[in-house]
Amino acid sequence: HTAQFKRREYPDGTVKTVYMNGQQETKYVSGRIRVKDKDGNI
């Protein structure tokens, strides 16, 4: 947890970051990246 974001790292290597503006970014171990806006829209 920082002033800019909250990031959760999972044992399988997945990393999910939620930024203060509500945007979400998920990086999967496969290399896939998914970004959602503050309302949950991809």
All heavy atoms as atom14 arrays in JSON, in Angstrom:
{
  "sequence": "HTAQFKRREYPDGTVKTVYMNGQQETKYVSGRIRVKDKDGNI",
  "atom14_mask": [
    [1, 1, 1, 1, 1, 1, 1, 1, 1, 1, 0, 0, 0, 0],
    [1, 1, 1, 1, 1, 1, 1, 0, 0, 0, 0, 0, 0, 0],
    [1, 1, 1, 1, 1, 0, 0, 0, 0, 0, 0, 0, 0, 0],
    [1, 1, 1, 1, 1, 1, 1, 1, 1, 0, 0, 0, 0, 0],
    [1, 1, 1, 1, 1, 1, 1, 1, 1, 1, 1, 0, 0, 0],
    [1, 1, 1, 1, 1, 1, 1, 1, 1, 0, 0, 0, 0, 0],
    [1, 1, 1, 1, 1, 1, 1, 1, 1, 1, 1, 0, 0, 0],
    [1, 1, 1, 1, 1, 1, 1, 1, 1, 1, 1, 0, 0, 0],
    [1, 1, 1, 1, 1, 1, 1, 1, 1, 0, 0, 0, 0, 0],
    [1, 1, 1, 1, 1, 1, 1, 1, 1, 1, 1, 1, 0, 0],
    [1, 1, 1, 1, 1, 1, 1, 0, 0, 0, 0, 0, 0, 0],
    [1, 1, 1, 1, 1, 1, 1, 1, 0, 0, 0, 0, 0, 0],
    [1, 1, 1, 1, 0, 0, 0, 0, 0, 0, 0, 0, 0, 0],
    [1, 1, 1, 1, 1, 1, 1, 0, 0, 0, 0, 0, 0, 0],
    [1, 1, 1, 1, 1, 1, 1, 0, 0, 0, 0, 0, 0, 0],
    [1, 1, 1, 1, 1, 1, 1, 1, 1, 0, 0, 0, 0, 0],
    [1, 1, 1, 1, 1, 1, 1, 0, 0, 0, 0, 0, 0, 0],
    [1, 1, 1, 1, 1, 1, 1, 0, 0, 0, 0, 0, 0, 0],
    [1, 1, 1, 1, 1, 1, 1, 1, 1, 1, 1, 1, 0, 0],
    [1, 1, 1, 1, 1, 1, 1, 1, 0, 0, 0, 0, 0, 0],
    [1, 1, 1, 1, 1, 1, 1, 1, 0, 0, 0, 0, 0, 0],
    [1, 1, 1, 1, 0, 0, 0, 0, 0, 0, 0, 0, 0, 0],
    [1, 1, 1, 1, 1, 1, 1, 1, 1, 0, 0, 0, 0, 0],
    [1, 1, 1, 1, 1, 1, 1, 1, 1, 0, 0, 0, 0, 0],
    [1, 1, 1, 1, 1, 1, 1, 1, 1, 0, 0, 0, 0, 0],
    [1, 1, 1, 1, 1, 1, 1, 0, 0, 0, 0, 0, 0, 0],
    [1, 1, 1, 1, 1, 1, 1, 1, 1, 0, 0, 0, 0, 0],
    [1, 1, 1, 1, 1, 1, 1, 1, 1, 1, 1, 1, 0, 0],
    [1, 1, 1, 1, 1, 1, 1, 0, 0, 0, 0, 0, 0, 0],
    [1, 1, 1, 1, 1, 1, 0, 0, 0, 0, 0, 0, 0, 0],
    [1, 1, 1, 1, 0, 0, 0, 0, 0, 0, 0, 0, 0, 0],
    [1, 1, 1, 1, 1, 1, 1, 1, 1, 1, 1, 0, 0, 0],
    [1, 1, 1, 1, 1, 1, 1, 1, 0, 0, 0, 0, 0, 0],
    [1, 1, 1, 1, 1, 1, 1, 1, 1, 1, 1, 0, 0, 0],
    [1, 1, 1, 1, 1, 1, 1, 0, 0, 0, 0, 0, 0, 0],
    [1, 1, 1, 1, 1, 1, 1, 1, 1, 0, 0, 0, 0, 0],
    [1, 1, 1, 1, 1, 1, 1, 1, 0, 0, 0, 0, 0, 0],
    [1, 1, 1, 1, 1, 1, 1, 1, 1, 0, 0, 0, 0, 0],
    [1, 1, 1, 1, 1, 1, 1, 1, 0, 0, 0, 0, 0, 0],
    [1, 1, 1, 1, 0, 0, 0, 0, 0, 0, 0, 0, 0, 0],
    [1, 1, 1, 1, 1, 1, 1, 1, 0, 0, 0, 0, 0, 0],
    [1, 1, 1, 1, 1, 1, 1, 1, 0, 0, 0, 0, 0, 0]
  ],
  "atom14_positions": [
    [[0.85, -1.18, 0.0], [0.0, 0.0, 0.0], [0.89, 1.24, 0.0], [1.74, 1.38, 0.88], [-0.88, 0.05, 1.25], [-1.85, -1.08, 1.36], [-2.95, -1.01, 2.17], [-1.92, -2.3, 0.77], [-3.64, -2.14, 2.08], [-3.02, -2.94, 1.24], [0.0, 0.0, 0.0], [0.0, 0.0, 0.0], [0.0, 0.0, 0.0], [0.0, 0.0, 0.0]],
    [[0.71, 2.1, -0.99], [1.43, 3.37, -1.03], [0.4, 4.48, -1.22], [-0.8, 4.22, -1.36], [2.45, 3.43, -2.18], [1.74, 3.53, -3.42], [3.36, 2.21, -2.19], [0.0, 0.0, 0.0], [0.0, 0.0, 0.0], [0.0, 0.0, 0.0], [0.0, 0.0, 0.0], [0.0, 0.0, 0.0], [0.0, 0.0, 0.0], [0.0, 0.0, 0.0]],
    [[0.85, 5.71, -1.27], [-0.05, 6.84, -1.51], [-0.62, 6.79, -2.93], [-1.68, 7.34, -3.2], [0.68, 8.16, -1.28], [0.0, 0.0, 0.0], [0.0, 0.0, 0.0], [0.0, 0.0, 0.0], [0.0, 0.0, 0.0], [0.0, 0.0, 0.0], [0.0, 0.0, 0.0], [0.0, 0.0, 0.0], [0.0, 0.0, 0.0], [0.0, 0.0, 0.0]],
    [[0.08, 6.11, -3.86], [-0.33, 6.08, -5.26], [-1.18, 4.86, -5.62], [-2.01, 4.92, -6.52], [0.89, 6.09, -6.2], [1.72, 7.36, -6.14], [2.63, 7.41, -4.92], [3.11, 6.38, -4.45], [2.83, 8.6, -4.37], [0.0, 0.0, 0.0], [0.0, 0.0, 0.0], [0.0, 0.0, 0.0], [0.0, 0.0, 0.0], [0.0, 0.0, 0.0]],
    [[-0.97, 3.74, -4.94], [-1.66, 2.5, -5.34], [-1.67, 1.48, -4.21], [-0.95, 1.62, -3.22], [-0.99, 1.88, -6.58], [0.45, 1.48, -6.34], [0.77, 0.26, -5.74], [1.49, 2.32, -6.72], [2.09, -0.1, -5.53], [2.81, 1.96, -6.51], [3.11, 0.75, -5.91], [0.0, 0.0, 0.0], [0.0, 0.0, 0.0], [0.0, 0.0, 0.0]],
    [[-2.51, 0.43, -4.43], [-2.48, -0.78, -3.61], [-2.24, -1.93, -4.58], [-2.9, -2.03, -5.6], [-3.8, -0.99, -2.88], [-4.05, 0.01, -1.78], [-5.34, -0.27, -1.05], [-5.54, 0.79, 0.04], [-6.8, 0.6, 0.74], [0.0, 0.0, 0.0], [0.0, 0.0, 0.0], [0.0, 0.0, 0.0], [0.0, 0.0, 0.0], [0.0, 0.0, 0.0]],
    [[-1.27, -2.77, -4.26], [-0.88, -3.86, -5.15], [-0.9, -5.17, -4.37], [-0.37, -5.25, -3.27], [0.52, -3.61, -5.7], [1.05, -4.77, -6.54], [2.42, -4.46, -7.13], [2.24, -3.35, -8.08], [3.15, -2.4, -8.28], [4.26, -2.38, -7.58], [2.92, -1.45, -9.15], [0.0, 0.0, 0.0], [0.0, 0.0, 0.0], [0.0, 0.0, 0.0]],
    [[-1.54, -6.19, -4.98], [-1.54, -7.52, -4.38], [-0.79, -8.47, -5.31], [-1.05, -8.5, -6.5], [-2.94, -8.05, -4.12], [-2.91, -9.41, -3.4], [-4.25, -9.86, -2.89], [-4.6, -9.18, -1.66], [-5.08, -9.82, -0.58], [-5.24, -11.13, -0.58], [-5.41, -9.14, 0.48], [0.0, 0.0, 0.0], [0.0, 0.0, 0.0], [0.0, 0.0, 0.0]],
    [[0.16, -9.2, -4.72], [0.94, -10.19, -5.46], [0.5, -11.57, -4.99], [0.47, -11.84, -3.79], [2.43, -9.98, -5.19], [2.93, -8.6, -5.58], [4.33, -8.28, -5.07], [4.93, -9.13, -4.37], [4.8, -7.17, -5.35], [0.0, 0.0, 0.0], [0.0, 0.0, 0.0], [0.0, 0.0, 0.0], [0.0, 0.0, 0.0], [0.0, 0.0, 0.0]],
    [[0.14, -12.42, -5.95], [-0.33, -13.76, -5.64], [0.79, -14.77, -5.82], [1.72, -14.54, -6.61], [-1.52, -14.11, -6.56], [-2.71, -13.23, -6.31], [-2.85, -12.01, -6.98], [-3.7, -13.59, -5.41], [-3.94, -11.18, -6.75], [-4.8, -12.77, -5.17], [-4.91, -11.57, -5.85], [-5.98, -10.75, -5.6], [0.0, 0.0, 0.0], [0.0, 0.0, 0.0]],
    [[0.73, -15.9, -5.13], [1.8, -16.91, -5.23], [2.04, -17.41, -6.65], [3.16, -17.8, -6.99], [1.31, -18.05, -4.33], [0.37, -17.41, -3.37], [-0.27, -16.28, -4.13], [0.0, 0.0, 0.0], [0.0, 0.0, 0.0], [0.0, 0.0, 0.0], [0.0, 0.0, 0.0], [0.0, 0.0, 0.0], [0.0, 0.0, 0.0], [0.0, 0.0, 0.0]],
    [[1.02, -17.38, -7.51], [1.2, -17.86, -8.89], [1.88, -16.82, -9.79], [2.09, -17.06, -10.98], [-0.13, -18.28, -9.5], [-1.08, -17.11, -9.77], [-0.71, -15.94, -9.48], [-2.19, -17.36, -10.28], [0.0, 0.0, 0.0], [0.0, 0.0, 0.0], [0.0, 0.0, 0.0], [0.0, 0.0, 0.0], [0.0, 0.0, 0.0], [0.0, 0.0, 0.0]],
    [[2.23, -15.66, -9.24], [2.9, -14.62, -10.01], [1.98, -13.52, -10.52], [2.44, -12.5, -11.04], [0.0, 0.0, 0.0], [0.0, 0.0, 0.0], [0.0, 0.0, 0.0], [0.0, 0.0, 0.0], [0.0, 0.0, 0.0], [0.0, 0.0, 0.0], [0.0, 0.0, 0.0], [0.0, 0.0, 0.0], [0.0, 0.0, 0.0], [0.0, 0.0, 0.0]],
    [[0.66, -13.69, -10.38], [-0.29, -12.65, -10.79], [-0.12, -11.43, -9.88], [0.07, -11.57, -8.68], [-1.75, -13.17, -10.69], [-1.87, -14.33, -11.53], [-2.75, -12.12, -11.1], [0.0, 0.0, 0.0], [0.0, 0.0, 0.0], [0.0, 0.0, 0.0], [0.0, 0.0, 0.0], [0.0, 0.0, 0.0], [0.0, 0.0, 0.0], [0.0, 0.0, 0.0]],
    [[-0.19, -10.24, -10.5], [-0.06, -8.99, -9.75], [-1.25, -8.1, -10.11], [-1.46, -7.79, -11.29], [1.26, -8.26, -10.05], [1.33, -6.93, -9.31], [2.45, -9.13, -9.69], [0.0, 0.0, 0.0], [0.0, 0.0, 0.0], [0.0, 0.0, 0.0], [0.0, 0.0, 0.0], [0.0, 0.0, 0.0], [0.0, 0.0, 0.0], [0.0, 0.0, 0.0]],
    [[-2.02, -7.69, -9.1], [-3.16, -6.81, -9.34], [-2.9, -5.49, -8.62], [-2.62, -5.48, -7.42], [-4.45, -7.44, -8.83], [-5.68, -6.59, -9.1], [-6.96, -7.3, -8.71], [-8.16, -6.46, -9.1], [-9.41, -7.16, -8.84], [0.0, 0.0, 0.0], [0.0, 0.0, 0.0], [0.0, 0.0, 0.0], [0.0, 0.0, 0.0], [0.0, 0.0, 0.0]],
    [[-3.0, -4.39, -9.38], [-2.75, -3.06, -8.82], [-4.0, -2.21, -8.99], [-4.6, -2.18, -10.06], [-1.57, -2.38, -9.55], [-0.44, -3.26, -9.5], [-1.21, -1.06, -8.91], [0.0, 0.0, 0.0], [0.0, 0.0, 0.0], [0.0, 0.0, 0.0], [0.0, 0.0, 0.0], [0.0, 0.0, 0.0], [0.0, 0.0, 0.0], [0.0, 0.0, 0.0]],
    [[-4.41, -1.55, -7.9], [-5.51, -0.59, -7.95], [-4.92, 0.78, -7.63], [-4.33, 0.98, -6.57], [-6.63, -0.95, -6.92], [-7.75, 0.08, -6.97], [-7.16, -2.35, -7.18], [0.0, 0.0, 0.0], [0.0, 0.0, 0.0], [0.0, 0.0, 0.0], [0.0, 0.0, 0.0], [0.0, 0.0, 0.0], [0.0, 0.0, 0.0], [0.0, 0.0, 0.0]],
    [[-5.06, 1.7, -8.6], [-4.51, 3.05, -8.44], [-5.51, 3.94, -7.73], [-6.71, 3.65, -7.67], [-4.12, 3.61, -9.81], [-3.01, 2.82, -10.45], [-3.29, 1.77, -11.34], [-1.68, 3.08, -10.15], [-2.28, 1.01, -11.9], [-0.66, 2.33, -10.71], [-0.97, 1.3, -11.58], [0.04, 0.54, -12.14], [0.0, 0.0, 0.0], [0.0, 0.0, 0.0]],
    [[-5.04, 5.04, -7.19], [-5.89, 5.95, -6.42], [-7.04, 6.52, -7.25], [-8.08, 6.85, -6.71], [-5.06, 7.09, -5.81], [-4.22, 6.64, -4.63], [-5.26, 5.91, -3.35], [-4.51, 4.35, -3.04], [0.0, 0.0, 0.0], [0.0, 0.0, 0.0], [0.0, 0.0, 0.0], [0.0, 0.0, 0.0], [0.0, 0.0, 0.0], [0.0, 0.0, 0.0]],
    [[-6.88, 6.6, -8.57], [-7.96, 7.11, -9.43], [-9.0, 6.02, -9.72], [-9.96, 6.27, -10.45], [-7.41, 7.68, -10.74], [-6.73, 6.62, -11.6], [-6.76, 5.43, -11.3], [-6.11, 7.07, -12.69], [0.0, 0.0, 0.0], [0.0, 0.0, 0.0], [0.0, 0.0, 0.0], [0.0, 0.0, 0.0], [0.0, 0.0, 0.0], [0.0, 0.0, 0.0]],
    [[-8.81, 4.81, -9.15], [-9.77, 3.74, -9.32], [-9.41, 2.77, -10.43], [-10.01, 1.7, -10.54], [0.0, 0.0, 0.0], [0.0, 0.0, 0.0], [0.0, 0.0, 0.0], [0.0, 0.0, 0.0], [0.0, 0.0, 0.0], [0.0, 0.0, 0.0], [0.0, 0.0, 0.0], [0.0, 0.0, 0.0], [0.0, 0.0, 0.0], [0.0, 0.0, 0.0]],
    [[-8.47, 3.12, -11.28], [-8.06, 2.23, -12.38], [-7.41, 0.99, -11.81], [-6.67, 1.05, -10.84], [-7.09, 2.96, -13.31], [-6.68, 2.13, -14.51], [-5.85, 2.94, -15.5], [-6.23, 4.05, -15.87], [-4.72, 2.38, -15.9], [0.0, 0.0, 0.0], [0.0, 0.0, 0.0], [0.0, 0.0, 0.0], [0.0, 0.0, 0.0], [0.0, 0.0, 0.0]],
    [[-7.72, -0.18, -12.46], [-7.17, -1.46, -12.02], [-6.34, -2.07, -13.13], [-6.72, -2.03, -14.29], [-8.28, -2.44, -11.67], [-9.18, -1.99, -10.55], [-10.32, -2.98, -10.33], [-10.19, -4.16, -10.62], [-11.42, -2.48, -9.82], [0.0, 0.0, 0.0], [0.0, 0.0, 0.0], [0.0, 0.0, 0.0], [0.0, 0.0, 0.0], [0.0, 0.0, 0.0]],
    [[-5.2, -2.65, -12.74], [-4.33, -3.31, -13.71], [-3.97, -4.68, -13.15], [-3.52, -4.79, -12.01], [-3.07, -2.47, -13.91], [-2.03, -3.11, -14.81], [-0.77, -2.27, -14.86], [-0.72, -1.32, -15.67], [0.15, -2.56, -14.07], [0.0, 0.0, 0.0], [0.0, 0.0, 0.0], [0.0, 0.0, 0.0], [0.0, 0.0, 0.0], [0.0, 0.0, 0.0]],
    [[-4.21, -5.73, -13.99], [-3.85, -7.08, -13.58], [-2.84, -7.62, -14.57], [-3.09, -7.63, -15.78], [-5.1, -8.0, -13.53], [-6.09, -7.38, -12.71], [-4.75, -9.36, -12.96], [0.0, 0.0, 0.0], [0.0, 0.0, 0.0], [0.0, 0.0, 0.0], [0.0, 0.0, 0.0], [0.0, 0.0, 0.0], [0.0, 0.0, 0.0], [0.0, 0.0, 0.0]],
    [[-1.67, -8.05, -14.03], [-0.63, -8.67, -14.86], [-0.57, -10.14, -14.49], [-0.36, -10.48, -13.32], [0.73, -8.02, -14.61], [0.82, -6.58, -15.07], [2.21, -6.02, -14.82], [2.28, -4.57, -15.28], [3.61, -4.0, -15.04], [0.0, 0.0, 0.0], [0.0, 0.0, 0.0], [0.0, 0.0, 0.0], [0.0, 0.0, 0.0], [0.0, 0.0, 0.0]],
    [[-0.81, -11.0, -15.5], [-0.79, -12.43, -15.27], [0.58, -12.99, -15.6], [1.34, -12.4, -16.37], [-1.86, -13.11, -16.13], [-3.26, -12.64, -15.79], [-3.83, -11.56, -16.47], [-4.0, -13.25, -14.78], [-5.11, -11.11, -16.15], [-5.28, -12.81, -14.46], [-5.83, -11.74, -15.15], [-7.09, -11.3, -14.83], [0.0, 0.0, 0.0], [0.0, 0.0, 0.0]],
    [[0.91, -14.14, -15.02], [2.21, -14.75, -15.23], [2.43, -15.13, -16.7], [3.55, -15.18, -17.18], [2.39, -15.97, -14.28], [1.64, -17.19, -14.77], [3.86, -16.27, -14.06], [0.0, 0.0, 0.0], [0.0, 0.0, 0.0], [0.0, 0.0, 0.0], [0.0, 0.0, 0.0], [0.0, 0.0, 0.0], [0.0, 0.0, 0.0], [0.0, 0.0, 0.0]],
    [[1.35, -15.31, -17.45], [1.43, -15.64, -18.88], [1.9, -14.45, -19.72], [2.23, -14.6, -20.89], [0.06, -16.08, -19.39], [-0.86, -14.98, -19.31], [0.0, 0.0, 0.0], [0.0, 0.0, 0.0], [0.0, 0.0, 0.0], [0.0, 0.0, 0.0], [0.0, 0.0, 0.0], [0.0, 0.0, 0.0], [0.0, 0.0, 0.0], [0.0, 0.0, 0.0]],
    [[1.89, -13.25, -19.12], [2.24, -12.04, -19.85], [1.02, -11.19, -20.19], [1.14, -10.04, -20.61], [0.0, 0.0, 0.0], [0.0, 0.0, 0.0], [0.0, 0.0, 0.0], [0.0, 0.0, 0.0], [0.0, 0.0, 0.0], [0.0, 0.0, 0.0], [0.0, 0.0, 0.0], [0.0, 0.0, 0.0], [0.0, 0.0, 0.0], [0.0, 0.0, 0.0]],
    [[-0.16, -11.75, -20.02], [-1.4, -11.02, -20.29], [-1.53, -9.84, -19.32], [-1.22, -9.95, -18.14], [-2.59, -11.96, -20.12], [-3.94, -11.3, -20.24], [-5.05, -12.31, -19.99], [-6.35, -11.66, -19.98], [-7.44, -12.22, -19.51], [-7.4, -13.46, -19.01], [-8.58, -11.57, -19.52], [0.0, 0.0, 0.0], [0.0, 0.0, 0.0], [0.0, 0.0, 0.0]],
    [[-2.01, -8.71, -19.83], [-2.26, -7.53, -19.0], [-3.7, -7.08, -19.26], [-4.1, -6.93, -20.42], [-1.29, -6.38, -19.34], [0.15, -6.82, -19.06], [-1.64, -5.13, -18.53], [1.2, -5.83, -19.52], [0.0, 0.0, 0.0], [0.0, 0.0, 0.0], [0.0, 0.0, 0.0], [0.0, 0.0, 0.0], [0.0, 0.0, 0.0], [0.0, 0.0, 0.0]],
    [[-4.45, -6.87, -18.19], [-5.82, -6.38, -18.33], [-5.95, -5.11, -17.49], [-5.56, -5.08, -16.33], [-6.83, -7.42, -17.85], [-8.29, -6.97, -18.08], [-9.29, -8.01, -17.67], [-9.19, -8.21, -16.23], [-9.59, -9.3, -15.58], [-10.1, -10.31, -16.23], [-9.46, -9.39, -14.28], [0.0, 0.0, 0.0], [0.0, 0.0, 0.0], [0.0, 0.0, 0.0]],
    [[-6.52, -4.05, -18.1], [-6.69, -2.78, -17.41], [-8.18, -2.44, -17.42], [-8.84, -2.53, -18.46], [-5.87, -1.66, -18.1], [-6.07, -0.33, -17.39], [-4.39, -2.03, -18.14], [0.0, 0.0, 0.0], [0.0, 0.0, 0.0], [0.0, 0.0, 0.0], [0.0, 0.0, 0.0], [0.0, 0.0, 0.0], [0.0, 0.0, 0.0], [0.0, 0.0, 0.0]],
    [[-8.68, -2.04, -16.24], [-10.08, -1.61, -16.11], [-10.11, -0.18, -15.61], [-9.25, 0.22, -14.81], [-10.84, -2.5, -15.12], [-11.0, -3.94, -15.54], [-11.77, -4.71, -14.47], [-11.95, -6.17, -14.85], [-12.69, -6.89, -13.79], [0.0, 0.0, 0.0], [0.0, 0.0, 0.0], [0.0, 0.0, 0.0], [0.0, 0.0, 0.0], [0.0, 0.0, 0.0]],
    [[-11.14, 0.58, -16.03], [-11.3, 1.93, -15.5], [-11.95, 1.87, -14.13], [-12.28, 0.79, -13.63], [-12.08, 2.82, -16.48], [-13.53, 2.41, -16.66], [-14.06, 1.63, -15.82], [-14.16, 2.87, -17.64], [0.0, 0.0, 0.0], [0.0, 0.0, 0.0], [0.0, 0.0, 0.0], [0.0, 0.0, 0.0], [0.0, 0.0, 0.0], [0.0, 0.0, 0.0]],
    [[-12.16, 3.02, -13.51], [-12.68, 3.08, -12.14], [-14.05, 2.43, -12.0], [-14.45, 2.01, -10.93], [-12.71, 4.51, -11.63], [-13.62, 5.46, -12.38], [-13.59, 6.83, -11.75], [-14.38, 7.86, -12.49], [-15.75, 7.55, -12.75], [0.0, 0.0, 0.0], [0.0, 0.0, 0.0], [0.0, 0.0, 0.0], [0.0, 0.0, 0.0], [0.0, 0.0, 0.0]],
    [[-14.8, 2.33, -13.11], [-16.13, 1.73, -13.07], [-16.11, 0.24, -13.38], [-17.18, -0.4, -13.42], [-17.05, 2.45, -14.05], [-17.19, 3.93, -13.71], [-17.32, 4.24, -12.51], [-17.15, 4.76, -14.64], [0.0, 0.0, 0.0], [0.0, 0.0, 0.0], [0.0, 0.0, 0.0], [0.0, 0.0, 0.0], [0.0, 0.0, 0.0], [0.0, 0.0, 0.0]],
    [[-14.93, -0.34, -13.62], [-14.82, -1.76, -13.9], [-14.9, -2.11, -15.37], [-14.91, -3.3, -15.72], [0.0, 0.0, 0.0], [0.0, 0.0, 0.0], [0.0, 0.0, 0.0], [0.0, 0.0, 0.0], [0.0, 0.0, 0.0], [0.0, 0.0, 0.0], [0.0, 0.0, 0.0], [0.0, 0.0, 0.0], [0.0, 0.0, 0.0], [0.0, 0.0, 0.0]],
    [[-14.95, -1.12, -16.26], [-14.97, -1.38, -17.7], [-13.58, -1.69, -18.19], [-12.62, -0.98, -17.87], [-15.52, -0.15, -18.46], [-16.93, 0.21, -17.99], [-17.78, -0.65, -17.89], [-17.13, 1.48, -17.67], [0.0, 0.0, 0.0], [0.0, 0.0, 0.0], [0.0, 0.0, 0.0], [0.0, 0.0, 0.0], [0.0, 0.0, 0.0], [0.0, 0.0, 0.0]],
    [[-13.45, -2.76, -18.99], [-12.15, -3.13, -19.52], [-11.74, -2.11, -20.58], [-12.48, -1.88, -21.53], [-12.18, -4.55, -20.14], [-12.47, -5.57, -19.03], [-10.86, -4.88, -20.83], [-12.67, -7.0, -19.51], [0.0, 0.0, 0.0], [0.0, 0.0, 0.0], [0.0, 0.0, 0.0], [0.0, 0.0, 0.0], [0.0, 0.0, 0.0], [0.0, 0.0, 0.0]]
  ]
}
